[in-house]
Amino acid sequence: MKKPEIHILVCNSYRIGAEPKGGCNKKHAPEIINYLMEEAPAHGFDAVISSTGCLNVCSQSIVIVVHPHNFWYGAINEEAVDEILEALEEGKAVEKYLICD
């Protein structure tokens, strides 16, 4: 497998026992995962989108992490995804969604 240009992790709130407890799943993280899978290639990215267990920042849900940039974003919806992908085309972050320094 060729290493992808970017890897986007999307919190899907699953904890041990496979029960969704956090806010991300309840706020429709699976739909954001599907949206990212459609939109990342449309923006020209060679990307892998992965669903994760709880990232432990439930108060910021939906949470995504973009590697290799190590950008942690919260309060994600489809509009935020569009802004983030546009900024990534220039290697930049979208400050208003960043949740970690």
N, C-alpha and C. Protein backbone atom coordinates (compact mmCIF):
# COMPACT_ATOMS: atom_id res chain seq x y z
N MET A 1 0.84 -1.18 0.00
CA MET A 1 0.00 0.00 0.00
C MET A 1 0.89 1.24 0.00
N LYS A 2 0.53 2.16 -0.84
CA LYS A 2 1.22 3.46 -0.89
C LYS A 2 0.70 4.34 0.25
N LYS A 3 1.61 5.02 0.93
CA LYS A 3 1.22 5.91 2.01
C LYS A 3 0.39 7.05 1.45
N PRO A 4 -0.80 7.30 2.05
CA PRO A 4 -1.65 8.39 1.55
C PRO A 4 -1.06 9.75 1.89
N GLU A 5 -1.48 10.74 1.12
CA GLU A 5 -1.06 12.13 1.34
C GLU A 5 -1.56 12.64 2.69
N ILE A 6 -2.82 12.37 2.99
CA ILE A 6 -3.38 12.75 4.29
C ILE A 6 -4.19 11.59 4.86
N HIS A 7 -4.29 11.59 6.17
CA HIS A 7 -5.10 10.61 6.89
C HIS A 7 -6.00 11.40 7.83
N ILE A 8 -7.29 11.23 7.67
CA ILE A 8 -8.26 11.95 8.50
C ILE A 8 -8.95 10.95 9.40
N LEU A 9 -8.79 11.16 10.70
CA LEU A 9 -9.43 10.33 11.71
C LEU A 9 -10.70 11.03 12.16
N VAL A 10 -11.80 10.29 12.20
CA VAL A 10 -13.08 10.86 12.61
C VAL A 10 -13.55 10.10 13.85
N CYS A 11 -13.72 10.82 14.95
CA CYS A 11 -14.21 10.19 16.16
C CYS A 11 -15.63 9.68 15.90
N ASN A 12 -15.84 8.41 16.24
CA ASN A 12 -17.18 7.84 16.11
C ASN A 12 -17.69 7.34 17.45
N SER A 13 -17.04 7.76 18.53
CA SER A 13 -17.52 7.62 19.90
C SER A 13 -17.54 6.22 20.48
N TYR A 14 -17.05 5.23 19.77
CA TYR A 14 -17.14 3.89 20.32
C TYR A 14 -16.09 3.67 21.37
N ARG A 15 -16.52 3.11 22.48
CA ARG A 15 -15.63 2.78 23.58
C ARG A 15 -15.66 1.28 23.77
N ILE A 16 -14.84 0.79 24.65
CA ILE A 16 -14.82 -0.66 24.90
C ILE A 16 -16.24 -1.13 25.17
N GLY A 17 -16.62 -2.22 24.53
CA GLY A 17 -17.98 -2.71 24.63
C GLY A 17 -18.80 -2.33 23.40
N ALA A 18 -18.17 -1.57 22.47
CA ALA A 18 -18.78 -1.20 21.19
C ALA A 18 -20.08 -0.42 21.33
N GLU A 19 -20.23 0.32 22.41
CA GLU A 19 -21.43 1.12 22.58
C GLU A 19 -21.11 2.60 22.38
N PRO A 20 -21.82 3.27 21.47
CA PRO A 20 -21.57 4.69 21.28
C PRO A 20 -22.07 5.46 22.49
N LYS A 21 -21.17 6.21 23.13
CA LYS A 21 -21.57 6.95 24.32
C LYS A 21 -21.34 8.45 24.17
N GLY A 22 -20.34 8.82 23.42
CA GLY A 22 -19.99 10.23 23.30
C GLY A 22 -20.85 10.97 22.31
N GLY A 23 -20.54 12.24 22.17
CA GLY A 23 -21.33 13.10 21.32
C GLY A 23 -21.14 12.91 19.83
N CYS A 24 -19.98 12.45 19.40
CA CYS A 24 -19.70 12.40 17.96
C CYS A 24 -20.67 11.49 17.21
N ASN A 25 -20.84 10.29 17.70
CA ASN A 25 -21.76 9.37 17.03
C ASN A 25 -23.18 9.91 17.07
N LYS A 26 -23.56 10.45 18.20
CA LYS A 26 -24.91 10.99 18.36
C LYS A 26 -25.15 12.20 17.46
N LYS A 27 -24.06 12.90 17.09
CA LYS A 27 -24.17 14.06 16.20
C LYS A 27 -23.91 13.66 14.75
N HIS A 28 -23.97 12.37 14.46
CA HIS A 28 -23.93 11.86 13.09
C HIS A 28 -22.54 11.79 12.46
N ALA A 29 -21.57 11.34 13.24
CA ALA A 29 -20.22 11.15 12.70
C ALA A 29 -20.19 10.25 11.47
N PRO A 30 -21.00 9.16 11.41
CA PRO A 30 -20.94 8.33 10.20
C PRO A 30 -21.25 9.10 8.91
N GLU A 31 -22.15 10.08 9.00
CA GLU A 31 -22.46 10.89 7.82
C GLU A 31 -21.27 11.77 7.43
N ILE A 32 -20.53 12.27 8.43
CA ILE A 32 -19.33 13.07 8.15
C ILE A 32 -18.25 12.19 7.53
N ILE A 33 -18.14 10.97 7.99
CA ILE A 33 -17.17 10.03 7.40
C ILE A 33 -17.49 9.83 5.92
N ASN A 34 -18.74 9.56 5.61
CA ASN A 34 -19.14 9.38 4.21
C ASN A 34 -18.89 10.64 3.40
N TYR A 35 -19.21 11.79 3.97
CA TYR A 35 -19.01 13.05 3.26
C TYR A 35 -17.53 13.27 2.96
N LEU A 36 -16.67 13.02 3.94
CA LEU A 36 -15.23 13.14 3.73
C LEU A 36 -14.74 12.18 2.65
N MET A 37 -15.28 10.96 2.63
CA MET A 37 -14.87 9.97 1.62
C MET A 37 -15.22 10.44 0.21
N GLU A 38 -16.29 11.19 0.08
CA GLU A 38 -16.68 11.74 -1.22
C GLU A 38 -15.89 13.00 -1.57
N GLU A 39 -15.73 13.88 -0.59
CA GLU A 39 -15.18 15.20 -0.86
C GLU A 39 -13.66 15.27 -0.92
N ALA A 40 -12.96 14.47 -0.14
CA ALA A 40 -11.48 14.53 -0.16
C ALA A 40 -10.94 14.26 -1.56
N PRO A 41 -11.38 13.19 -2.24
CA PRO A 41 -10.90 12.98 -3.61
C PRO A 41 -11.33 14.09 -4.57
N ALA A 42 -12.51 14.65 -4.35
CA ALA A 42 -13.00 15.74 -5.20
C ALA A 42 -12.10 16.98 -5.08
N HIS A 43 -11.41 17.10 -3.96
CA HIS A 43 -10.46 18.21 -3.75
C HIS A 43 -9.05 17.82 -4.18
N GLY A 44 -8.92 16.63 -4.76
CA GLY A 44 -7.62 16.19 -5.27
C GLY A 44 -6.72 15.51 -4.27
N PHE A 45 -7.24 15.16 -3.10
CA PHE A 45 -6.41 14.53 -2.09
C PHE A 45 -6.38 13.02 -2.23
N ASP A 46 -5.19 12.47 -2.08
CA ASP A 46 -5.02 11.04 -1.88
C ASP A 46 -5.16 10.85 -0.37
N ALA A 47 -6.35 10.49 0.07
CA ALA A 47 -6.65 10.47 1.50
C ALA A 47 -7.24 9.15 1.95
N VAL A 48 -6.96 8.82 3.20
CA VAL A 48 -7.62 7.72 3.88
C VAL A 48 -8.44 8.34 4.99
N ILE A 49 -9.71 7.95 5.07
CA ILE A 49 -10.60 8.43 6.11
C ILE A 49 -10.88 7.25 7.03
N SER A 50 -10.62 7.42 8.32
CA SER A 50 -10.79 6.33 9.28
C SER A 50 -11.72 6.73 10.41
N SER A 51 -12.62 5.82 10.74
CA SER A 51 -13.47 5.97 11.91
C SER A 51 -12.67 5.50 13.13
N THR A 52 -12.76 6.24 14.23
CA THR A 52 -12.02 5.86 15.42
C THR A 52 -12.96 5.64 16.60
N GLY A 53 -12.39 5.09 17.65
CA GLY A 53 -13.07 5.08 18.92
C GLY A 53 -13.04 6.48 19.49
N CYS A 54 -13.48 6.62 20.72
CA CYS A 54 -13.56 7.92 21.36
C CYS A 54 -12.20 8.60 21.43
N LEU A 55 -12.13 9.87 21.03
CA LEU A 55 -10.90 10.66 21.11
C LEU A 55 -10.85 11.50 22.39
N ASN A 56 -11.84 11.33 23.24
CA ASN A 56 -11.87 11.94 24.58
C ASN A 56 -11.95 13.47 24.59
N VAL A 57 -12.59 14.04 23.61
CA VAL A 57 -12.92 15.47 23.62
C VAL A 57 -14.39 15.63 23.24
N CYS A 58 -15.23 14.92 23.98
CA CYS A 58 -16.66 14.85 23.67
C CYS A 58 -17.32 16.22 23.64
N SER A 59 -16.84 17.14 24.44
CA SER A 59 -17.44 18.48 24.48
C SER A 59 -17.25 19.23 23.16
N GLN A 60 -16.37 18.73 22.29
CA GLN A 60 -16.06 19.39 21.02
C GLN A 60 -16.64 18.65 19.81
N SER A 61 -17.52 17.70 20.05
CA SER A 61 -17.94 16.80 18.97
C SER A 61 -18.63 17.52 17.82
N ILE A 62 -18.50 17.07 16.66
CA ILE A 62 -17.76 15.95 16.09
C ILE A 62 -16.29 16.35 15.97
N VAL A 63 -15.39 15.45 16.31
CA VAL A 63 -13.96 15.72 16.29
C VAL A 63 -13.29 14.96 15.15
N ILE A 64 -12.40 15.65 14.43
CA ILE A 64 -11.56 14.99 13.43
C ILE A 64 -10.11 15.41 13.66
N VAL A 65 -9.19 14.53 13.25
CA VAL A 65 -7.76 14.81 13.32
C VAL A 65 -7.19 14.58 11.93
N VAL A 66 -6.43 15.55 11.44
CA VAL A 66 -5.85 15.47 10.10
C VAL A 66 -4.34 15.28 10.23
N HIS A 67 -3.87 14.15 9.70
CA HIS A 67 -2.42 13.86 9.69
C HIS A 67 -1.93 13.93 8.26
N PRO A 68 -0.72 14.36 8.00
CA PRO A 68 0.40 14.51 8.93
C PRO A 68 0.45 15.86 9.63
N HIS A 69 -0.50 16.73 9.42
CA HIS A 69 -0.48 18.08 9.98
C HIS A 69 -0.73 18.11 11.50
N ASN A 70 -1.38 17.06 12.02
CA ASN A 70 -1.76 16.99 13.42
C ASN A 70 -2.72 18.12 13.80
N PHE A 71 -3.64 18.44 12.87
CA PHE A 71 -4.69 19.42 13.15
C PHE A 71 -5.84 18.70 13.84
N TRP A 72 -6.24 19.16 15.01
CA TRP A 72 -7.39 18.63 15.74
C TRP A 72 -8.52 19.64 15.60
N TYR A 73 -9.62 19.20 15.03
CA TYR A 73 -10.77 20.07 14.79
C TYR A 73 -12.00 19.58 15.55
N GLY A 74 -12.81 20.53 16.01
CA GLY A 74 -14.06 20.19 16.68
C GLY A 74 -15.22 20.95 16.10
N ALA A 75 -16.42 20.53 16.49
CA ALA A 75 -17.68 21.11 16.02
C ALA A 75 -17.79 20.99 14.50
N ILE A 76 -17.48 19.80 14.01
CA ILE A 76 -17.43 19.57 12.57
C ILE A 76 -18.80 19.21 12.01
N ASN A 77 -19.11 19.85 10.87
CA ASN A 77 -20.29 19.53 10.08
C ASN A 77 -19.83 19.58 8.61
N GLU A 78 -20.75 19.42 7.68
CA GLU A 78 -20.35 19.40 6.26
C GLU A 78 -19.73 20.72 5.82
N GLU A 79 -20.24 21.83 6.30
CA GLU A 79 -19.67 23.14 5.96
C GLU A 79 -18.22 23.24 6.45
N ALA A 80 -17.98 22.77 7.67
CA ALA A 80 -16.62 22.79 8.22
C ALA A 80 -15.69 21.91 7.40
N VAL A 81 -16.19 20.74 6.98
CA VAL A 81 -15.38 19.84 6.14
C VAL A 81 -14.95 20.57 4.87
N ASP A 82 -15.89 21.26 4.24
CA ASP A 82 -15.56 21.99 3.01
C ASP A 82 -14.47 23.03 3.26
N GLU A 83 -14.60 23.79 4.34
CA GLU A 83 -13.60 24.81 4.67
C GLU A 83 -12.24 24.18 4.96
N ILE A 84 -12.24 23.09 5.69
CA ILE A 84 -11.00 22.41 6.05
C ILE A 84 -10.30 21.86 4.82
N LEU A 85 -11.04 21.22 3.93
CA LEU A 85 -10.43 20.66 2.72
C LEU A 85 -9.86 21.77 1.83
N GLU A 86 -10.57 22.88 1.74
CA GLU A 86 -10.07 24.01 0.95
C GLU A 86 -8.76 24.54 1.54
N ALA A 87 -8.71 24.67 2.87
CA ALA A 87 -7.49 25.15 3.52
C ALA A 87 -6.34 24.16 3.36
N LEU A 88 -6.65 22.87 3.42
CA LEU A 88 -5.61 21.85 3.27
C LEU A 88 -4.96 21.88 1.89
N GLU A 89 -5.70 22.35 0.89
CA GLU A 89 -5.12 22.47 -0.44
C GLU A 89 -3.90 23.38 -0.41
N GLU A 90 -3.87 24.32 0.54
CA GLU A 90 -2.75 25.24 0.70
C GLU A 90 -1.89 24.88 1.91
N GLY A 91 -2.18 23.72 2.54
CA GLY A 91 -1.42 23.28 3.70
C GLY A 91 -1.70 24.08 4.95
N LYS A 92 -2.85 24.74 5.00
CA LYS A 92 -3.19 25.60 6.13
C LYS A 92 -4.30 24.99 6.97
N ALA A 93 -4.42 25.51 8.20
CA ALA A 93 -5.49 25.12 9.13
C ALA A 93 -6.62 26.14 9.06
N VAL A 94 -7.78 25.73 9.51
CA VAL A 94 -8.91 26.64 9.68
C VAL A 94 -9.02 26.89 11.18
N GLU A 95 -8.54 28.04 11.60
CA GLU A 95 -8.39 28.37 13.01
C GLU A 95 -9.69 28.21 13.82
N LYS A 96 -10.81 28.59 13.24
CA LYS A 96 -12.05 28.61 14.04
C LYS A 96 -12.52 27.22 14.47
N TYR A 97 -12.01 26.16 13.84
CA TYR A 97 -12.38 24.80 14.23
C TYR A 97 -11.30 24.09 15.04
N LEU A 98 -10.10 24.67 15.14
CA LEU A 98 -9.01 24.03 15.87
C LEU A 98 -9.35 23.94 17.36
N ILE A 99 -9.07 22.78 17.96
CA ILE A 99 -9.35 22.60 19.39
C ILE A 99 -8.09 22.32 20.20
N CYS A 100 -6.97 22.11 19.56
CA CYS A 100 -5.71 21.86 20.24
C CYS A 100 -4.63 22.74 19.65
N ASP A 101 -3.72 23.19 20.51
CA ASP A 101 -2.58 24.00 20.05
C ASP A 101 -1.52 23.12 19.41
